[in-house]
Amino acid sequence: MHARGQAAAAEKALDAARESLDDAQYGEPQPDWSSWVDRTEVGIMTGRCWTELRRPLRAVPALTAALSRYSDDHARDKSLYLSWLADAYLTAGEIEQAAAATGRALDLATGVASIRPMQRINPLLDRFRPYARVPEVQDLLDRQSS
């Protein structure tokens, strides 16, 4: 399937998920997954899908809105989700914003008993190397080396 087909399929699946959550509000039968997925999680998944499909203009608003409602108490997950936001910013060429999101992801990942956030963050840090002269990127890379 080509990228346009993947984007259409993703949009259809995400719309169906949102509709299922809407239906649940009106007493309609709920899919099993709706017991652990809410609007914030669908927003996160929306942003992740658009990030992976290299559609940052769709990914950034979805992730930003969902992350604003996502508690720092869930540091592991929020760190992971911020890595997708940083990825989307990098794809869009918004280097300073990408560095800020990556720095925040690093802050949250520190002390988390999971290697998964760093497995997402380390490849992002490598993608910053061509931008090492940008002050925000230099600060981020300095953090990595210390």
N, C-alpha and C. Protein backbone atom coordinates (compact mmCIF):
# COMPACT_ATOMS: atom_id res chain seq x y z
N MET A 1 0.85 -1.17 0.00
CA MET A 1 0.00 0.00 0.00
C MET A 1 0.89 1.23 0.00
N HIS A 2 0.58 2.19 -0.84
CA HIS A 2 1.38 3.42 -0.90
C HIS A 2 0.98 4.36 0.23
N ALA A 3 1.75 5.41 0.40
CA ALA A 3 1.58 6.32 1.54
C ALA A 3 0.17 6.92 1.59
N ARG A 4 -0.39 7.29 0.44
CA ARG A 4 -1.73 7.88 0.43
C ARG A 4 -2.75 6.85 0.93
N GLY A 5 -2.59 5.61 0.52
CA GLY A 5 -3.48 4.55 0.98
C GLY A 5 -3.33 4.28 2.47
N GLN A 6 -2.09 4.34 2.95
CA GLN A 6 -1.85 4.16 4.38
C GLN A 6 -2.49 5.29 5.18
N ALA A 7 -2.36 6.51 4.69
CA ALA A 7 -2.95 7.66 5.39
C ALA A 7 -4.47 7.54 5.42
N ALA A 8 -5.06 7.13 4.32
CA ALA A 8 -6.52 6.97 4.28
C ALA A 8 -6.98 5.87 5.23
N ALA A 9 -6.24 4.77 5.26
CA ALA A 9 -6.58 3.68 6.16
C ALA A 9 -6.43 4.10 7.62
N ALA A 10 -5.37 4.84 7.91
CA ALA A 10 -5.17 5.33 9.28
C ALA A 10 -6.30 6.27 9.68
N GLU A 11 -6.66 7.19 8.81
CA GLU A 11 -7.74 8.13 9.10
C GLU A 11 -9.05 7.39 9.35
N LYS A 12 -9.33 6.39 8.55
CA LYS A 12 -10.56 5.61 8.72
C LYS A 12 -10.57 4.89 10.07
N ALA A 13 -9.46 4.27 10.43
CA ALA A 13 -9.39 3.55 11.71
C ALA A 13 -9.48 4.51 12.90
N LEU A 14 -8.83 5.66 12.81
CA LEU A 14 -8.88 6.64 13.89
C LEU A 14 -10.28 7.23 14.03
N ASP A 15 -10.94 7.49 12.91
CA ASP A 15 -12.32 7.97 12.96
C ASP A 15 -13.23 6.93 13.62
N ALA A 16 -13.02 5.66 13.27
CA ALA A 16 -13.82 4.59 13.86
C ALA A 16 -13.61 4.51 15.37
N ALA A 17 -12.38 4.70 15.82
CA ALA A 17 -12.09 4.68 17.26
C ALA A 17 -12.79 5.84 17.96
N ARG A 18 -12.71 7.03 17.38
CA ARG A 18 -13.38 8.19 17.97
C ARG A 18 -14.91 7.98 18.01
N GLU A 19 -15.46 7.43 16.94
CA GLU A 19 -16.90 7.16 16.89
C GLU A 19 -17.30 6.14 17.95
N SER A 20 -16.47 5.13 18.16
CA SER A 20 -16.77 4.13 19.19
C SER A 20 -16.82 4.76 20.57
N LEU A 21 -15.91 5.67 20.84
CA LEU A 21 -15.93 6.37 22.13
C LEU A 21 -17.17 7.26 22.24
N ASP A 22 -17.55 7.90 21.15
CA ASP A 22 -18.77 8.72 21.16
C ASP A 22 -19.99 7.85 21.42
N ASP A 23 -20.06 6.72 20.75
CA ASP A 23 -21.19 5.81 20.93
C ASP A 23 -21.30 5.33 22.36
N ALA A 24 -20.17 5.11 22.99
CA ALA A 24 -20.17 4.63 24.38
C ALA A 24 -20.82 5.65 25.30
N GLN A 25 -20.69 6.92 24.98
CA GLN A 25 -21.31 7.97 25.81
C GLN A 25 -22.83 7.90 25.76
N TYR A 26 -23.36 7.35 24.71
CA TYR A 26 -24.81 7.29 24.53
C TYR A 26 -25.38 5.90 24.82
N GLY A 27 -24.62 5.09 25.56
CA GLY A 27 -25.10 3.80 25.98
C GLY A 27 -25.04 2.70 24.93
N GLU A 28 -24.41 2.97 23.82
CA GLU A 28 -24.27 1.95 22.78
C GLU A 28 -23.24 0.91 23.23
N PRO A 29 -23.30 -0.29 22.69
CA PRO A 29 -22.30 -1.30 23.06
C PRO A 29 -20.88 -0.80 22.78
N GLN A 30 -19.99 -1.13 23.70
CA GLN A 30 -18.61 -0.66 23.60
C GLN A 30 -17.69 -1.80 23.18
N PRO A 31 -16.69 -1.49 22.36
CA PRO A 31 -15.67 -2.50 22.07
C PRO A 31 -14.84 -2.75 23.33
N ASP A 32 -14.23 -3.92 23.44
CA ASP A 32 -13.45 -4.27 24.62
C ASP A 32 -12.34 -3.26 24.91
N TRP A 33 -11.70 -2.75 23.87
CA TRP A 33 -10.57 -1.85 24.07
C TRP A 33 -10.97 -0.54 24.73
N SER A 34 -12.26 -0.19 24.69
CA SER A 34 -12.68 1.11 25.23
C SER A 34 -12.56 1.18 26.75
N SER A 35 -12.33 0.06 27.40
CA SER A 35 -12.16 0.10 28.85
C SER A 35 -10.81 0.67 29.25
N TRP A 36 -9.83 0.67 28.38
CA TRP A 36 -8.52 1.23 28.71
C TRP A 36 -8.10 2.36 27.77
N VAL A 37 -8.96 2.74 26.82
CA VAL A 37 -8.64 3.82 25.90
C VAL A 37 -9.66 4.94 26.09
N ASP A 38 -9.16 6.15 26.22
CA ASP A 38 -10.03 7.31 26.30
C ASP A 38 -9.65 8.28 25.19
N ARG A 39 -10.27 9.45 25.18
CA ARG A 39 -10.00 10.43 24.12
C ARG A 39 -8.53 10.86 24.08
N THR A 40 -7.92 10.96 25.25
CA THR A 40 -6.50 11.34 25.28
C THR A 40 -5.66 10.27 24.60
N GLU A 41 -5.92 9.01 24.90
CA GLU A 41 -5.16 7.92 24.27
C GLU A 41 -5.40 7.89 22.76
N VAL A 42 -6.63 8.14 22.32
CA VAL A 42 -6.89 8.19 20.88
C VAL A 42 -6.14 9.37 20.26
N GLY A 43 -6.06 10.48 20.97
CA GLY A 43 -5.27 11.62 20.48
C GLY A 43 -3.80 11.28 20.34
N ILE A 44 -3.27 10.58 21.35
CA ILE A 44 -1.87 10.14 21.28
C ILE A 44 -1.67 9.22 20.09
N MET A 45 -2.57 8.25 19.93
CA MET A 45 -2.43 7.30 18.82
C MET A 45 -2.56 8.02 17.48
N THR A 46 -3.44 9.00 17.41
CA THR A 46 -3.58 9.79 16.19
C THR A 46 -2.25 10.46 15.84
N GLY A 47 -1.66 11.12 16.82
CA GLY A 47 -0.38 11.78 16.58
C GLY A 47 0.73 10.81 16.22
N ARG A 48 0.74 9.67 16.88
CA ARG A 48 1.77 8.67 16.57
C ARG A 48 1.61 8.16 15.14
N CYS A 49 0.37 7.90 14.74
CA CYS A 49 0.13 7.43 13.37
C CYS A 49 0.62 8.45 12.35
N TRP A 50 0.24 9.71 12.55
CA TRP A 50 0.65 10.74 11.60
C TRP A 50 2.16 10.95 11.62
N THR A 51 2.78 10.79 12.78
CA THR A 51 4.25 10.90 12.83
C THR A 51 4.88 9.80 12.00
N GLU A 52 4.43 8.58 12.20
CA GLU A 52 5.00 7.45 11.45
C GLU A 52 4.74 7.56 9.95
N LEU A 53 3.64 8.19 9.58
CA LEU A 53 3.32 8.39 8.16
C LEU A 53 3.98 9.65 7.59
N ARG A 54 4.80 10.31 8.41
CA ARG A 54 5.54 11.51 8.02
C ARG A 54 4.60 12.63 7.61
N ARG A 55 3.57 12.85 8.45
CA ARG A 55 2.59 13.91 8.25
C ARG A 55 2.61 14.82 9.48
N PRO A 56 3.71 15.58 9.66
CA PRO A 56 3.87 16.36 10.90
C PRO A 56 2.81 17.44 11.10
N LEU A 57 2.26 17.98 10.04
CA LEU A 57 1.24 19.02 10.22
C LEU A 57 -0.03 18.46 10.85
N ARG A 58 -0.23 17.18 10.74
CA ARG A 58 -1.34 16.51 11.42
C ARG A 58 -0.90 15.98 12.78
N ALA A 59 0.33 15.51 12.85
CA ALA A 59 0.83 14.88 14.08
C ALA A 59 0.99 15.87 15.22
N VAL A 60 1.60 17.00 14.95
CA VAL A 60 1.93 17.95 16.03
C VAL A 60 0.70 18.43 16.79
N PRO A 61 -0.36 18.90 16.11
CA PRO A 61 -1.52 19.35 16.88
C PRO A 61 -2.18 18.23 17.70
N ALA A 62 -2.25 17.04 17.13
CA ALA A 62 -2.86 15.92 17.85
C ALA A 62 -2.06 15.58 19.10
N LEU A 63 -0.74 15.49 18.95
CA LEU A 63 0.11 15.15 20.09
C LEU A 63 0.15 16.27 21.12
N THR A 64 0.23 17.50 20.67
CA THR A 64 0.28 18.62 21.60
C THR A 64 -0.99 18.69 22.45
N ALA A 65 -2.13 18.54 21.80
CA ALA A 65 -3.40 18.58 22.54
C ALA A 65 -3.50 17.42 23.53
N ALA A 66 -3.17 16.22 23.08
CA ALA A 66 -3.27 15.06 23.97
C ALA A 66 -2.27 15.13 25.11
N LEU A 67 -1.05 15.55 24.82
CA LEU A 67 -0.03 15.63 25.87
C LEU A 67 -0.35 16.70 26.91
N SER A 68 -1.08 17.71 26.53
CA SER A 68 -1.46 18.75 27.50
C SER A 68 -2.40 18.19 28.57
N ARG A 69 -3.07 17.09 28.25
CA ARG A 69 -3.98 16.44 29.20
C ARG A 69 -3.35 15.22 29.86
N TYR A 70 -2.10 14.93 29.55
CA TYR A 70 -1.45 13.71 30.02
C TYR A 70 -0.54 14.03 31.20
N SER A 71 -0.78 13.40 32.31
CA SER A 71 -0.06 13.71 33.55
C SER A 71 1.40 13.27 33.51
N ASP A 72 2.24 14.11 34.10
CA ASP A 72 3.65 13.74 34.26
C ASP A 72 3.82 12.55 35.21
N ASP A 73 2.78 12.22 35.97
CA ASP A 73 2.84 11.06 36.86
C ASP A 73 3.06 9.77 36.07
N HIS A 74 2.74 9.79 34.80
CA HIS A 74 2.95 8.65 33.91
C HIS A 74 4.20 8.93 33.07
N ALA A 75 5.32 9.10 33.77
CA ALA A 75 6.56 9.58 33.15
C ALA A 75 7.03 8.70 32.00
N ARG A 76 6.98 7.39 32.17
CA ARG A 76 7.45 6.49 31.10
C ARG A 76 6.66 6.73 29.83
N ASP A 77 5.34 6.68 29.93
CA ASP A 77 4.50 6.83 28.75
C ASP A 77 4.59 8.23 28.16
N LYS A 78 4.57 9.24 29.02
CA LYS A 78 4.64 10.61 28.51
C LYS A 78 5.97 10.86 27.81
N SER A 79 7.04 10.29 28.34
CA SER A 79 8.34 10.41 27.69
C SER A 79 8.30 9.79 26.29
N LEU A 80 7.71 8.61 26.20
CA LEU A 80 7.59 7.96 24.90
C LEU A 80 6.79 8.82 23.93
N TYR A 81 5.66 9.34 24.40
CA TYR A 81 4.79 10.12 23.52
C TYR A 81 5.45 11.43 23.10
N LEU A 82 6.22 12.02 24.00
CA LEU A 82 6.97 13.21 23.64
C LEU A 82 8.01 12.91 22.55
N SER A 83 8.52 11.68 22.54
CA SER A 83 9.49 11.32 21.50
C SER A 83 8.84 11.34 20.12
N TRP A 84 7.56 10.98 20.03
CA TRP A 84 6.86 11.07 18.75
C TRP A 84 6.63 12.53 18.37
N LEU A 85 6.35 13.37 19.36
CA LEU A 85 6.20 14.80 19.08
C LEU A 85 7.52 15.36 18.56
N ALA A 86 8.61 15.02 19.20
CA ALA A 86 9.93 15.48 18.75
C ALA A 86 10.22 14.99 17.33
N ASP A 87 9.89 13.75 17.05
CA ASP A 87 10.08 13.18 15.72
C ASP A 87 9.29 13.98 14.69
N ALA A 88 8.04 14.29 15.00
CA ALA A 88 7.21 15.06 14.07
C ALA A 88 7.81 16.45 13.84
N TYR A 89 8.26 17.10 14.92
CA TYR A 89 8.89 18.41 14.76
C TYR A 89 10.14 18.31 13.89
N LEU A 90 10.94 17.28 14.09
CA LEU A 90 12.14 17.11 13.26
C LEU A 90 11.76 16.94 11.80
N THR A 91 10.76 16.14 11.53
CA THR A 91 10.30 15.92 10.16
C THR A 91 9.84 17.24 9.53
N ALA A 92 9.22 18.09 10.33
CA ALA A 92 8.74 19.38 9.85
C ALA A 92 9.85 20.42 9.73
N GLY A 93 11.05 20.09 10.21
CA GLY A 93 12.16 21.04 10.17
C GLY A 93 12.14 22.05 11.30
N GLU A 94 11.35 21.78 12.32
CA GLU A 94 11.27 22.67 13.49
C GLU A 94 12.25 22.17 14.54
N ILE A 95 13.50 22.48 14.32
CA ILE A 95 14.60 21.91 15.09
C ILE A 95 14.55 22.33 16.56
N GLU A 96 14.32 23.62 16.83
CA GLU A 96 14.30 24.06 18.22
C GLU A 96 13.14 23.42 18.99
N GLN A 97 11.97 23.33 18.35
CA GLN A 97 10.82 22.69 19.00
C GLN A 97 11.10 21.21 19.23
N ALA A 98 11.75 20.57 18.27
CA ALA A 98 12.10 19.16 18.42
C ALA A 98 13.07 18.96 19.58
N ALA A 99 14.03 19.88 19.70
CA ALA A 99 14.99 19.79 20.80
C ALA A 99 14.29 19.97 22.14
N ALA A 100 13.35 20.90 22.21
CA ALA A 100 12.62 21.12 23.46
C ALA A 100 11.81 19.89 23.85
N ALA A 101 11.12 19.29 22.89
CA ALA A 101 10.33 18.09 23.19
C ALA A 101 11.22 16.93 23.59
N THR A 102 12.37 16.80 22.94
CA THR A 102 13.30 15.73 23.29
C THR A 102 13.88 15.95 24.68
N GLY A 103 14.21 17.19 24.99
CA GLY A 103 14.71 17.50 26.33
C GLY A 103 13.70 17.16 27.41
N ARG A 104 12.45 17.47 27.15
CA ARG A 104 11.38 17.14 28.10
C ARG A 104 11.23 15.64 28.23
N ALA A 105 11.32 14.92 27.11
CA ALA A 105 11.25 13.45 27.14
C ALA A 105 12.41 12.89 27.96
N LEU A 106 13.59 13.46 27.79
CA LEU A 106 14.75 13.02 28.58
C LEU A 106 14.53 13.27 30.07
N ASP A 107 14.00 14.44 30.41
CA ASP A 107 13.71 14.75 31.81
C ASP A 107 12.80 13.68 32.42
N LEU A 108 11.74 13.35 31.71
CA LEU A 108 10.78 12.38 32.23
C LEU A 108 11.35 10.96 32.26
N ALA A 109 12.23 10.64 31.32
CA ALA A 109 12.79 9.29 31.24
C ALA A 109 13.83 9.03 32.32
N THR A 110 14.39 10.08 32.88
CA THR A 110 15.42 9.92 33.91
C THR A 110 14.82 9.25 35.14
N GLY A 111 15.40 8.13 35.51
CA GLY A 111 14.95 7.41 36.69
C GLY A 111 13.79 6.46 36.45
N VAL A 112 13.30 6.38 35.23
CA VAL A 112 12.20 5.46 34.92
C VAL A 112 12.76 4.05 34.80
N ALA A 113 12.08 3.10 35.38
CA ALA A 113 12.55 1.70 35.38
C ALA A 113 12.15 1.00 34.09
N SER A 114 12.45 1.62 32.97
CA SER A 114 12.16 1.04 31.66
C SER A 114 13.19 1.58 30.68
N ILE A 115 13.68 0.72 29.81
CA ILE A 115 14.63 1.18 28.81
C ILE A 115 13.94 1.70 27.55
N ARG A 116 12.66 1.47 27.45
CA ARG A 116 11.93 1.82 26.22
C ARG A 116 12.01 3.31 25.87
N PRO A 117 11.82 4.23 26.83
CA PRO A 117 11.94 5.65 26.42
C PRO A 117 13.29 5.97 25.77
N MET A 118 14.36 5.48 26.34
CA MET A 118 15.67 5.77 25.77
C MET A 118 15.87 5.06 24.43
N GLN A 119 15.21 3.94 24.24
CA GLN A 119 15.28 3.28 22.94
C GLN A 119 14.64 4.15 21.86
N ARG A 120 13.68 4.98 22.21
CA ARG A 120 13.07 5.91 21.26
C ARG A 120 13.87 7.21 21.17
N ILE A 121 14.42 7.65 22.29
CA ILE A 121 15.09 8.95 22.33
C ILE A 121 16.47 8.90 21.69
N ASN A 122 17.23 7.84 21.90
CA ASN A 122 18.59 7.78 21.35
C ASN A 122 18.65 7.95 19.83
N PRO A 123 17.79 7.29 19.04
CA PRO A 123 17.83 7.56 17.59
C PRO A 123 17.46 9.00 17.24
N LEU A 124 16.60 9.61 18.04
CA LEU A 124 16.29 11.03 17.82
C LEU A 124 17.53 11.88 18.04
N LEU A 125 18.26 11.59 19.10
CA LEU A 125 19.47 12.35 19.38
C LEU A 125 20.46 12.25 18.22
N ASP A 126 20.55 11.09 17.61
CA ASP A 126 21.42 10.94 16.44
C ASP A 126 20.96 11.82 15.28
N ARG A 127 19.65 11.98 15.12
CA ARG A 127 19.12 12.80 14.04
C ARG A 127 19.40 14.29 14.26
N PHE A 128 19.73 14.67 15.49
CA PHE A 128 20.05 16.08 15.78
C PHE A 128 21.48 16.45 15.40
N ARG A 129 22.35 15.49 15.23
CA ARG A 129 23.78 15.79 15.02
C ARG A 129 24.03 16.80 13.89
N PRO A 130 23.32 16.74 12.76
CA PRO A 130 23.58 17.75 11.72
C PRO A 130 23.22 19.18 12.15
N TYR A 131 22.51 19.32 13.23
CA TYR A 131 22.07 20.64 13.70
C TYR A 131 22.82 21.06 14.97
N ALA A 132 23.98 20.51 15.19
CA ALA A 132 24.73 20.73 16.43
C ALA A 132 25.05 22.21 16.67
N ARG A 133 25.03 23.03 15.64
CA ARG A 133 25.32 24.46 15.83
C ARG A 133 24.13 25.24 16.37
N VAL A 134 22.95 24.65 16.34
CA VAL A 134 21.77 25.30 16.90
C VAL A 134 21.89 25.21 18.42
N PRO A 135 21.83 26.34 19.13
CA PRO A 135 22.08 26.32 20.58
C PRO A 135 21.24 25.31 21.36
N GLU A 136 19.95 25.20 21.04
CA GLU A 136 19.10 24.25 21.75
C GLU A 136 19.54 22.81 21.51
N VAL A 137 20.02 22.55 20.32
CA VAL A 137 20.50 21.21 19.99
C VAL A 137 21.83 20.94 20.70
N GLN A 138 22.71 21.93 20.71
CA GLN A 138 23.98 21.75 21.40
C GLN A 138 23.76 21.44 22.87
N ASP A 139 22.82 22.16 23.50
CA ASP A 139 22.49 21.88 24.90
C ASP A 139 22.00 20.45 25.08
N LEU A 140 21.16 20.01 24.16
CA LEU A 140 20.62 18.65 24.22
C LEU A 140 21.73 17.62 24.06
N LEU A 141 22.60 17.82 23.08
CA LEU A 141 23.70 16.88 22.86
C LEU A 141 24.69 16.89 24.01
N ASP A 142 24.89 18.06 24.63
CA ASP A 142 25.75 18.14 25.81
C ASP A 142 25.16 17.31 26.95
N ARG A 143 23.87 17.35 27.11
CA ARG A 143 23.20 16.56 28.14
C ARG A 143 23.43 15.07 27.92
N GLN A 144 23.40 14.66 26.65
CA GLN A 144 23.58 13.25 26.33
C GLN A 144 24.99 12.79 26.70
N SER A 145 25.98 13.65 26.46
CA SER A 145 27.36 13.23 26.69
C SER A 145 27.77 13.32 28.16
N SER A 146 26.95 13.96 28.99
CA SER A 146 27.33 14.06 30.42
C SER A 146 26.72 12.98 31.26
